N, C-alpha and C. Protein backbone atom coordinates (compact mmCIF):
# COMPACT_ATOMS: atom_id res chain seq x y z
N UNK A 1 -13.78 32.81 -14.17
CA UNK A 1 -14.96 33.23 -14.90
C UNK A 1 -15.90 33.95 -13.93
N UNK A 2 -16.48 35.04 -14.39
CA UNK A 2 -17.42 35.83 -13.60
C UNK A 2 -18.73 35.07 -13.41
N UNK A 3 -19.39 35.31 -12.31
CA UNK A 3 -20.70 34.70 -12.06
C UNK A 3 -21.79 35.35 -12.92
N UNK A 4 -21.47 36.49 -13.51
CA UNK A 4 -22.44 37.18 -14.35
C UNK A 4 -23.17 38.28 -13.60
N UNK A 5 -23.78 39.15 -14.34
CA UNK A 5 -24.52 40.26 -13.76
C UNK A 5 -25.85 39.76 -13.20
N UNK A 6 -26.17 40.08 -11.95
CA UNK A 6 -27.41 39.57 -11.34
C UNK A 6 -28.68 39.98 -12.09
N UNK A 7 -28.72 41.19 -12.62
CA UNK A 7 -29.92 41.62 -13.35
C UNK A 7 -30.04 40.89 -14.68
N UNK A 8 -28.92 40.64 -15.33
CA UNK A 8 -28.94 39.85 -16.57
C UNK A 8 -29.42 38.44 -16.28
N UNK A 9 -28.89 37.84 -15.23
CA UNK A 9 -29.28 36.48 -14.89
C UNK A 9 -30.76 36.39 -14.53
N UNK A 10 -31.27 37.42 -13.84
CA UNK A 10 -32.70 37.44 -13.50
C UNK A 10 -33.55 37.55 -14.77
N UNK A 11 -33.13 38.41 -15.71
CA UNK A 11 -33.87 38.56 -16.96
C UNK A 11 -33.81 37.25 -17.75
N UNK A 12 -32.67 36.59 -17.71
CA UNK A 12 -32.53 35.30 -18.41
C UNK A 12 -33.51 34.27 -17.85
N UNK A 13 -33.62 34.22 -16.54
CA UNK A 13 -34.57 33.29 -15.90
C UNK A 13 -36.00 33.63 -16.29
N UNK A 14 -36.31 34.93 -16.38
CA UNK A 14 -37.64 35.35 -16.80
C UNK A 14 -37.92 34.94 -18.24
N UNK A 15 -36.89 34.96 -19.10
CA UNK A 15 -37.06 34.53 -20.49
C UNK A 15 -37.46 33.07 -20.56
N UNK A 16 -36.85 32.25 -19.72
CA UNK A 16 -37.20 30.83 -19.71
C UNK A 16 -38.66 30.64 -19.31
N UNK A 17 -39.10 31.37 -18.29
CA UNK A 17 -40.49 31.29 -17.86
C UNK A 17 -41.42 31.79 -18.97
N UNK A 18 -41.03 32.87 -19.63
CA UNK A 18 -41.84 33.43 -20.72
C UNK A 18 -41.97 32.41 -21.86
N UNK A 19 -40.85 31.77 -22.21
CA UNK A 19 -40.88 30.77 -23.28
C UNK A 19 -41.83 29.62 -22.92
N UNK A 20 -41.72 29.13 -21.70
CA UNK A 20 -42.57 28.02 -21.29
C UNK A 20 -44.05 28.41 -21.29
N UNK A 21 -44.35 29.60 -20.82
CA UNK A 21 -45.74 30.06 -20.78
C UNK A 21 -46.30 30.24 -22.19
N UNK A 22 -45.53 30.92 -23.05
CA UNK A 22 -46.04 31.19 -24.40
C UNK A 22 -46.08 29.93 -25.25
N UNK A 23 -45.10 29.05 -25.11
CA UNK A 23 -45.11 27.86 -25.94
C UNK A 23 -46.24 26.91 -25.56
N UNK A 24 -46.70 27.00 -24.32
CA UNK A 24 -47.84 26.16 -23.94
C UNK A 24 -49.12 26.66 -24.59
N UNK A 25 -49.16 27.94 -24.93
CA UNK A 25 -50.34 28.49 -25.59
C UNK A 25 -50.25 28.49 -27.10
N UNK A 26 -49.03 28.67 -27.63
CA UNK A 26 -48.85 28.76 -29.07
C UNK A 26 -48.33 27.47 -29.69
N UNK A 27 -47.69 26.66 -28.89
CA UNK A 27 -47.06 25.45 -29.42
C UNK A 27 -47.97 24.25 -29.32
N UNK A 28 -47.38 23.10 -29.63
CA UNK A 28 -48.08 21.83 -29.49
C UNK A 28 -47.21 20.93 -28.62
N UNK A 29 -47.71 19.77 -28.28
CA UNK A 29 -46.94 18.84 -27.47
C UNK A 29 -45.65 18.41 -28.15
N UNK A 30 -45.65 18.36 -29.46
CA UNK A 30 -44.45 17.93 -30.18
C UNK A 30 -43.61 19.09 -30.71
N UNK A 31 -44.19 20.28 -30.81
CA UNK A 31 -43.45 21.44 -31.32
C UNK A 31 -43.81 22.69 -30.54
N UNK A 32 -42.99 23.05 -29.56
CA UNK A 32 -43.27 24.25 -28.77
C UNK A 32 -43.26 25.54 -29.59
N UNK A 33 -42.69 25.49 -30.79
CA UNK A 33 -42.63 26.67 -31.65
C UNK A 33 -43.55 26.52 -32.86
N UNK A 34 -44.63 25.77 -32.69
CA UNK A 34 -45.53 25.44 -33.80
C UNK A 34 -46.13 26.67 -34.46
N UNK A 35 -46.37 27.73 -33.71
CA UNK A 35 -46.93 28.93 -34.33
C UNK A 35 -46.00 29.49 -35.39
N UNK A 36 -44.70 29.46 -35.13
CA UNK A 36 -43.75 29.98 -36.11
C UNK A 36 -43.61 29.04 -37.30
N UNK A 37 -43.60 27.74 -37.05
CA UNK A 37 -43.47 26.80 -38.16
C UNK A 37 -44.73 26.82 -39.03
N UNK A 38 -45.89 27.05 -38.43
CA UNK A 38 -47.13 27.12 -39.21
C UNK A 38 -47.12 28.34 -40.13
N UNK A 39 -46.70 29.48 -39.62
CA UNK A 39 -46.63 30.68 -40.45
C UNK A 39 -45.62 30.47 -41.57
N UNK A 40 -44.50 29.83 -41.27
CA UNK A 40 -43.48 29.56 -42.29
C UNK A 40 -44.06 28.72 -43.42
N UNK A 41 -44.87 27.73 -43.09
CA UNK A 41 -45.49 26.90 -44.12
C UNK A 41 -46.43 27.71 -45.00
N UNK A 42 -47.19 28.59 -44.38
CA UNK A 42 -48.14 29.42 -45.13
C UNK A 42 -47.40 30.40 -46.04
N UNK A 43 -46.36 31.03 -45.49
CA UNK A 43 -45.63 32.07 -46.21
C UNK A 43 -44.57 31.52 -47.16
N UNK A 44 -44.19 30.26 -46.98
CA UNK A 44 -43.13 29.70 -47.80
C UNK A 44 -41.76 30.27 -47.47
N UNK A 45 -41.57 30.66 -46.24
CA UNK A 45 -40.32 31.25 -45.76
C UNK A 45 -39.66 30.30 -44.78
N UNK A 46 -38.38 30.49 -44.52
CA UNK A 46 -37.73 29.70 -43.47
C UNK A 46 -38.39 30.00 -42.12
N UNK A 47 -38.56 29.02 -41.26
CA UNK A 47 -39.27 29.22 -40.00
C UNK A 47 -38.67 30.29 -39.10
N UNK A 48 -37.37 30.48 -39.16
CA UNK A 48 -36.73 31.46 -38.27
C UNK A 48 -37.03 32.89 -38.68
N UNK A 49 -37.47 33.11 -39.90
CA UNK A 49 -37.68 34.49 -40.38
C UNK A 49 -38.87 35.17 -39.71
N UNK A 50 -39.94 34.43 -39.44
CA UNK A 50 -41.13 35.06 -38.83
C UNK A 50 -40.85 35.60 -37.43
N UNK A 51 -40.24 34.85 -36.51
CA UNK A 51 -39.98 35.47 -35.21
C UNK A 51 -39.03 36.66 -35.30
N UNK A 52 -38.12 36.64 -36.28
CA UNK A 52 -37.24 37.79 -36.45
C UNK A 52 -38.04 39.02 -36.88
N UNK A 53 -39.00 38.82 -37.78
CA UNK A 53 -39.86 39.94 -38.20
C UNK A 53 -40.70 40.46 -37.04
N UNK A 54 -41.20 39.54 -36.23
CA UNK A 54 -41.96 39.96 -35.04
C UNK A 54 -41.08 40.77 -34.09
N UNK A 55 -39.81 40.40 -33.97
CA UNK A 55 -38.88 41.15 -33.12
C UNK A 55 -38.70 42.57 -33.68
N UNK A 56 -38.63 42.69 -34.99
CA UNK A 56 -38.51 44.02 -35.59
C UNK A 56 -39.75 44.87 -35.29
N UNK A 57 -40.92 44.25 -35.33
CA UNK A 57 -42.15 44.97 -34.96
C UNK A 57 -42.05 45.47 -33.53
N UNK A 58 -41.58 44.59 -32.64
CA UNK A 58 -41.46 44.96 -31.23
C UNK A 58 -40.45 46.10 -31.04
N UNK A 59 -39.36 46.09 -31.80
CA UNK A 59 -38.36 47.16 -31.69
C UNK A 59 -38.96 48.49 -32.14
N UNK A 60 -39.82 48.45 -33.15
CA UNK A 60 -40.51 49.66 -33.58
C UNK A 60 -41.44 50.16 -32.48
N UNK A 61 -42.12 49.22 -31.83
CA UNK A 61 -43.00 49.58 -30.71
C UNK A 61 -42.19 50.19 -29.57
N UNK A 62 -41.03 49.64 -29.28
CA UNK A 62 -40.17 50.17 -28.21
C UNK A 62 -39.82 51.63 -28.51
N UNK A 63 -39.46 51.91 -29.74
CA UNK A 63 -39.13 53.28 -30.12
C UNK A 63 -40.32 54.21 -29.88
N UNK A 64 -41.51 53.74 -30.23
CA UNK A 64 -42.72 54.53 -30.03
C UNK A 64 -43.00 54.74 -28.54
N UNK A 65 -42.86 53.69 -27.74
CA UNK A 65 -43.09 53.81 -26.30
C UNK A 65 -42.12 54.82 -25.68
N UNK A 66 -40.87 54.77 -26.10
CA UNK A 66 -39.87 55.72 -25.58
C UNK A 66 -40.26 57.15 -25.95
N UNK A 67 -40.68 57.36 -27.20
CA UNK A 67 -41.06 58.70 -27.66
C UNK A 67 -42.25 59.24 -26.88
N UNK A 68 -43.12 58.33 -26.43
CA UNK A 68 -44.30 58.72 -25.65
C UNK A 68 -44.01 58.82 -24.16
N UNK A 69 -42.79 58.50 -23.76
CA UNK A 69 -42.43 58.53 -22.34
C UNK A 69 -43.00 57.38 -21.54
N UNK A 70 -43.40 56.31 -22.20
CA UNK A 70 -44.02 55.16 -21.52
C UNK A 70 -42.95 54.12 -21.18
N UNK A 71 -41.96 54.57 -20.43
CA UNK A 71 -40.81 53.74 -20.13
C UNK A 71 -41.14 52.56 -19.22
N UNK A 72 -42.22 52.66 -18.48
CA UNK A 72 -42.63 51.56 -17.60
C UNK A 72 -43.08 50.33 -18.38
N UNK A 73 -43.33 50.47 -19.68
CA UNK A 73 -43.77 49.35 -20.51
C UNK A 73 -42.63 48.68 -21.26
N UNK A 74 -41.42 49.17 -21.09
CA UNK A 74 -40.29 48.66 -21.86
C UNK A 74 -39.85 47.26 -21.43
N UNK A 75 -39.97 46.94 -20.17
CA UNK A 75 -39.49 45.64 -19.69
C UNK A 75 -40.12 44.49 -20.47
N UNK A 76 -41.43 44.50 -20.59
CA UNK A 76 -42.12 43.42 -21.30
C UNK A 76 -41.68 43.35 -22.76
N UNK A 77 -41.55 44.51 -23.38
CA UNK A 77 -41.15 44.54 -24.79
C UNK A 77 -39.72 44.03 -24.97
N UNK A 78 -38.82 44.43 -24.07
CA UNK A 78 -37.43 43.96 -24.16
C UNK A 78 -37.38 42.43 -24.04
N UNK A 79 -38.12 41.89 -23.09
CA UNK A 79 -38.13 40.44 -22.92
C UNK A 79 -38.75 39.75 -24.13
N UNK A 80 -39.79 40.34 -24.70
CA UNK A 80 -40.41 39.76 -25.89
C UNK A 80 -39.43 39.72 -27.07
N UNK A 81 -38.68 40.81 -27.26
CA UNK A 81 -37.70 40.86 -28.36
C UNK A 81 -36.64 39.78 -28.15
N UNK A 82 -36.12 39.70 -26.93
CA UNK A 82 -35.09 38.69 -26.65
C UNK A 82 -35.65 37.29 -26.89
N UNK A 83 -36.86 37.04 -26.45
CA UNK A 83 -37.48 35.74 -26.61
C UNK A 83 -37.69 35.41 -28.08
N UNK A 84 -38.19 36.37 -28.85
CA UNK A 84 -38.42 36.14 -30.27
C UNK A 84 -37.12 35.83 -31.00
N UNK A 85 -36.05 36.53 -30.66
CA UNK A 85 -34.77 36.27 -31.33
C UNK A 85 -34.19 34.92 -30.92
N UNK A 86 -34.43 34.50 -29.70
CA UNK A 86 -34.00 33.16 -29.29
C UNK A 86 -34.83 32.09 -30.02
N UNK A 87 -36.11 32.36 -30.23
CA UNK A 87 -36.93 31.43 -31.02
C UNK A 87 -36.39 31.34 -32.44
N UNK A 88 -36.03 32.48 -33.02
CA UNK A 88 -35.46 32.49 -34.37
C UNK A 88 -34.19 31.65 -34.41
N UNK A 89 -33.34 31.79 -33.40
CA UNK A 89 -32.10 31.02 -33.37
C UNK A 89 -32.37 29.53 -33.18
N UNK A 90 -33.32 29.19 -32.34
CA UNK A 90 -33.67 27.78 -32.15
C UNK A 90 -34.16 27.17 -33.46
N UNK A 91 -34.99 27.91 -34.18
CA UNK A 91 -35.50 27.41 -35.46
C UNK A 91 -34.40 27.34 -36.51
N UNK A 92 -33.47 28.28 -36.49
CA UNK A 92 -32.34 28.23 -37.42
C UNK A 92 -31.50 26.99 -37.15
N UNK A 93 -31.30 26.70 -35.86
CA UNK A 93 -30.51 25.52 -35.50
C UNK A 93 -31.19 24.24 -35.92
N UNK A 94 -32.52 24.21 -35.84
CA UNK A 94 -33.25 23.03 -36.31
C UNK A 94 -32.95 22.75 -37.77
N UNK A 95 -32.88 23.82 -38.54
CA UNK A 95 -32.72 23.68 -39.99
C UNK A 95 -31.26 23.51 -40.41
N UNK A 96 -30.33 23.92 -39.56
CA UNK A 96 -28.90 23.90 -39.93
C UNK A 96 -28.33 22.49 -39.81
N UNK A 97 -27.45 22.15 -40.71
CA UNK A 97 -26.73 20.88 -40.54
C UNK A 97 -25.97 20.91 -39.22
N UNK A 98 -25.99 19.82 -38.50
CA UNK A 98 -25.34 19.74 -37.19
C UNK A 98 -23.86 20.12 -37.25
N UNK A 99 -23.21 19.90 -38.37
CA UNK A 99 -21.79 20.22 -38.49
C UNK A 99 -21.53 21.72 -38.43
N UNK A 100 -22.57 22.55 -38.70
CA UNK A 100 -22.40 23.98 -38.67
C UNK A 100 -22.74 24.61 -37.33
N UNK A 101 -23.26 23.82 -36.41
CA UNK A 101 -23.66 24.34 -35.11
C UNK A 101 -22.49 24.28 -34.14
N UNK A 102 -22.47 25.23 -33.19
CA UNK A 102 -21.38 25.22 -32.21
C UNK A 102 -21.47 24.00 -31.30
N UNK A 103 -20.31 23.51 -30.89
CA UNK A 103 -20.25 22.40 -29.94
C UNK A 103 -20.35 23.00 -28.54
N UNK A 104 -21.52 22.96 -27.96
CA UNK A 104 -21.75 23.61 -26.67
C UNK A 104 -21.34 22.72 -25.50
N UNK A 105 -21.05 21.48 -25.74
CA UNK A 105 -20.65 20.60 -24.64
C UNK A 105 -19.31 21.02 -24.04
N UNK A 106 -18.44 21.61 -24.83
CA UNK A 106 -17.15 22.04 -24.34
C UNK A 106 -17.19 23.42 -23.71
N UNK A 107 -18.31 24.12 -23.86
CA UNK A 107 -18.42 25.50 -23.36
C UNK A 107 -18.61 25.52 -21.86
C-alpha cells in the first residue's frame, strides 16, 4: 500500500484542524455539528443537507474566484468544501442505520 501523496496528507491534516477550530465556535460540548443540526430543525430537512448546500455555495464562489483570477484564495475555499462535505457525511452516518454503514475496522 502506498504511503499516499504528501500534499494530500497535509491537506487532510489541515481539514482536521479546521474541523476542530470551527466546531469549537459553531458546535456545542455535546454536538460539534450543532449549527447544522439546528438549521435542519428549523428547515425540517435532514441534517446532512445543509452542509451540502453550503458546499454548493462554496463551489459557486470558487468558480467566481477563478474567473476573477483570484487563485490565491482557492486554498481556503477548497478546504471549506471538503470540510462541509465531510460534515454532511458525518451527519448522514448519524442518521443511517448502523447496518448500512461501512465496517471501517477491517479497512
